[in-house]
Protein backbone atom coordinates (compact mmCIF):
# COMPACT_ATOMS: atom_id res chain seq x y z
CA MET A 1 -79.78 73.41 -168.86
CA LYS A 2 -80.04 69.93 -169.86
CA VAL A 3 -83.73 69.81 -168.96
CA ILE A 4 -84.17 72.80 -171.14
CA ALA A 5 -82.13 71.24 -173.99
CA ALA A 6 -84.12 67.94 -173.67
CA TYR A 7 -87.36 69.96 -174.00
CA LEU A 8 -86.20 71.91 -177.09
CA LEU A 9 -84.85 68.47 -178.60
CA ALA A 10 -88.57 67.05 -178.02
CA VAL A 11 -90.01 69.94 -179.64
CA LEU A 12 -87.51 69.54 -182.92
CA GLY A 13 -88.47 66.01 -182.84
CA GLY A 14 -92.06 66.88 -183.52
CA LYS A 15 -93.55 67.06 -180.07
CA GLU A 16 -95.50 70.56 -179.74
CA THR A 17 -95.95 70.09 -176.04
CA PRO A 18 -93.24 67.54 -174.68
CA SER A 19 -94.32 65.75 -171.43
CA ALA A 20 -92.28 64.92 -168.32
CA ASP A 21 -92.00 61.34 -169.74
CA ASP A 22 -90.58 62.58 -173.15
CA ILE A 23 -87.86 64.78 -171.48
CA LYS A 24 -86.98 61.82 -169.00
CA ASP A 25 -86.64 59.58 -172.07
CA ILE A 26 -84.27 62.01 -173.82
CA LEU A 27 -82.19 62.53 -170.70
CA GLY A 28 -82.04 58.83 -170.10
CA SER A 29 -80.99 58.06 -173.65
CA VAL A 30 -77.82 59.80 -173.02
CA GLY A 31 -77.26 58.53 -169.37
CA ALA A 32 -77.93 61.90 -167.79
CA GLU A 33 -79.83 62.06 -164.32
CA CYS A 34 -82.99 64.20 -164.14
CA ASP A 35 -84.53 65.91 -161.52
CA ASP A 36 -88.45 65.62 -161.48
CA ASP A 37 -88.79 68.97 -159.87
CA ARG A 38 -87.07 70.83 -162.39
CA ILE A 39 -88.72 69.16 -165.18
CA GLU A 40 -92.22 70.05 -163.51
CA LEU A 41 -90.82 73.62 -163.05
CA LEU A 42 -89.95 73.93 -166.65
CA LEU A 43 -93.29 72.28 -167.95
CA SER A 44 -95.29 74.66 -165.75
CA GLU A 45 -93.34 77.75 -167.11
CA VAL A 46 -93.83 76.99 -170.72
CA LYS A 47 -97.37 75.58 -170.53
CA GLY A 48 -99.67 77.28 -173.02
CA LYS A 49 -96.71 79.30 -174.62
CA ASP A 50 -95.31 79.04 -178.00
CA ILE A 51 -91.61 77.91 -177.85
CA THR A 52 -90.82 80.17 -180.83
CA GLU A 53 -92.15 83.18 -179.08
CA LEU A 54 -90.21 82.20 -175.75
CA ILE A 55 -87.05 82.14 -177.97
CA ALA A 56 -87.80 85.38 -179.58
CA SER A 57 -88.42 87.08 -176.10
CA GLY A 58 -85.41 85.57 -174.63
CA ARG A 59 -83.14 86.85 -177.21
CA GLU A 60 -84.68 90.57 -176.77
CA LYS A 61 -83.93 90.25 -173.18
CA LEU A 62 -80.20 89.20 -173.98
CA THR A 63 -79.71 92.07 -176.09
CA SER A 64 -80.05 94.52 -173.06
CA VAL A 65 -77.38 92.47 -171.11
CA PRO A 66 -73.95 94.18 -171.39
CA SER A 67 -71.29 91.86 -172.70
CA GLY A 68 -68.31 93.96 -171.55
CA GLY A 69 -64.62 93.38 -172.14
CA GLY A 70 -64.32 93.44 -175.99
CA ALA A 71 -64.68 97.14 -176.33
CA ALA A 72 -62.07 98.01 -173.71
CA VAL A 73 -59.59 95.70 -175.26
CA ALA A 74 -60.13 97.36 -178.78
CA VAL A 75 -59.77 100.89 -177.10
CA ALA A 76 -56.59 100.08 -175.48
CA ALA A 77 -54.98 98.72 -178.58
CA SER A 78 -56.03 101.67 -180.82
CA ALA A 79 -54.83 104.16 -178.04
CA GLY A 80 -51.32 102.72 -178.09
CA GLY A 81 -50.93 103.76 -181.55
CA GLY A 82 -48.24 102.36 -183.92
CA GLY A 83 -45.49 101.92 -181.26
CA ALA A 84 -47.26 98.63 -179.74
CA ALA A 85 -46.88 96.78 -182.91
CA PRO A 86 -43.21 97.03 -183.64
CA ALA A 87 -42.40 96.36 -179.92
CA ALA A 88 -44.40 93.17 -180.27
CA ALA A 89 -42.63 92.12 -183.48
CA GLU A 90 -39.09 92.80 -181.87
CA SER A 91 -40.02 90.56 -178.90
CA LYS A 92 -41.30 87.93 -181.17
CA LYS A 93 -37.84 88.14 -183.32
CA GLU A 94 -35.86 87.88 -179.93
CA GLU A 95 -38.06 84.73 -178.98
CA LYS A 96 -37.20 82.98 -182.18
CA VAL A 97 -33.48 83.59 -181.70
CA GLU A 98 -33.59 82.09 -178.16
CA GLU A 99 -35.48 79.06 -179.32
CA LYS A 100 -32.88 78.57 -182.25
CA GLU A 101 -30.09 78.64 -179.51
CA GLU A 102 -31.84 76.28 -177.11
CA SER A 103 -32.44 73.76 -180.11
CA ASP A 104 -28.70 73.76 -180.92
CA ASP A 105 -27.79 72.90 -177.31
CA ASP A 106 -28.57 69.17 -176.62
CA MET A 107 -27.71 69.59 -172.63
CA GLY A 108 -24.84 67.45 -172.99
CA PHE A 109 -26.95 64.35 -173.62
CA SER A 110 -25.79 63.59 -177.26
CA LEU A 111 -25.54 60.08 -178.29
CA PHE A 112 -22.93 61.08 -180.91
CA ASP A 113 -20.22 62.48 -179.00
């Protein structure tokens, strides 16, 4: 990822086709180690391609990847109906009462006794 980030930074800096030295300079400026093989692999994959088109293509591919998780939580919350919210509110009240009791108790280490 750092090689890709360095490549994109070079593009943002005005280089249409960054070289391996450009990427190494960027990574070296932040003290990151760089692997020549990874740099060459990236450069061979993007050679002759427009970075804007590559990013757009990548975004299209990501839309087909299931993200999961969020919908199940929303369904579970709505399936519970109204009963879950009052129960949660009651437990919060109980926690507040318990905290108050604990704060009044100095566990016998009071300096003013």
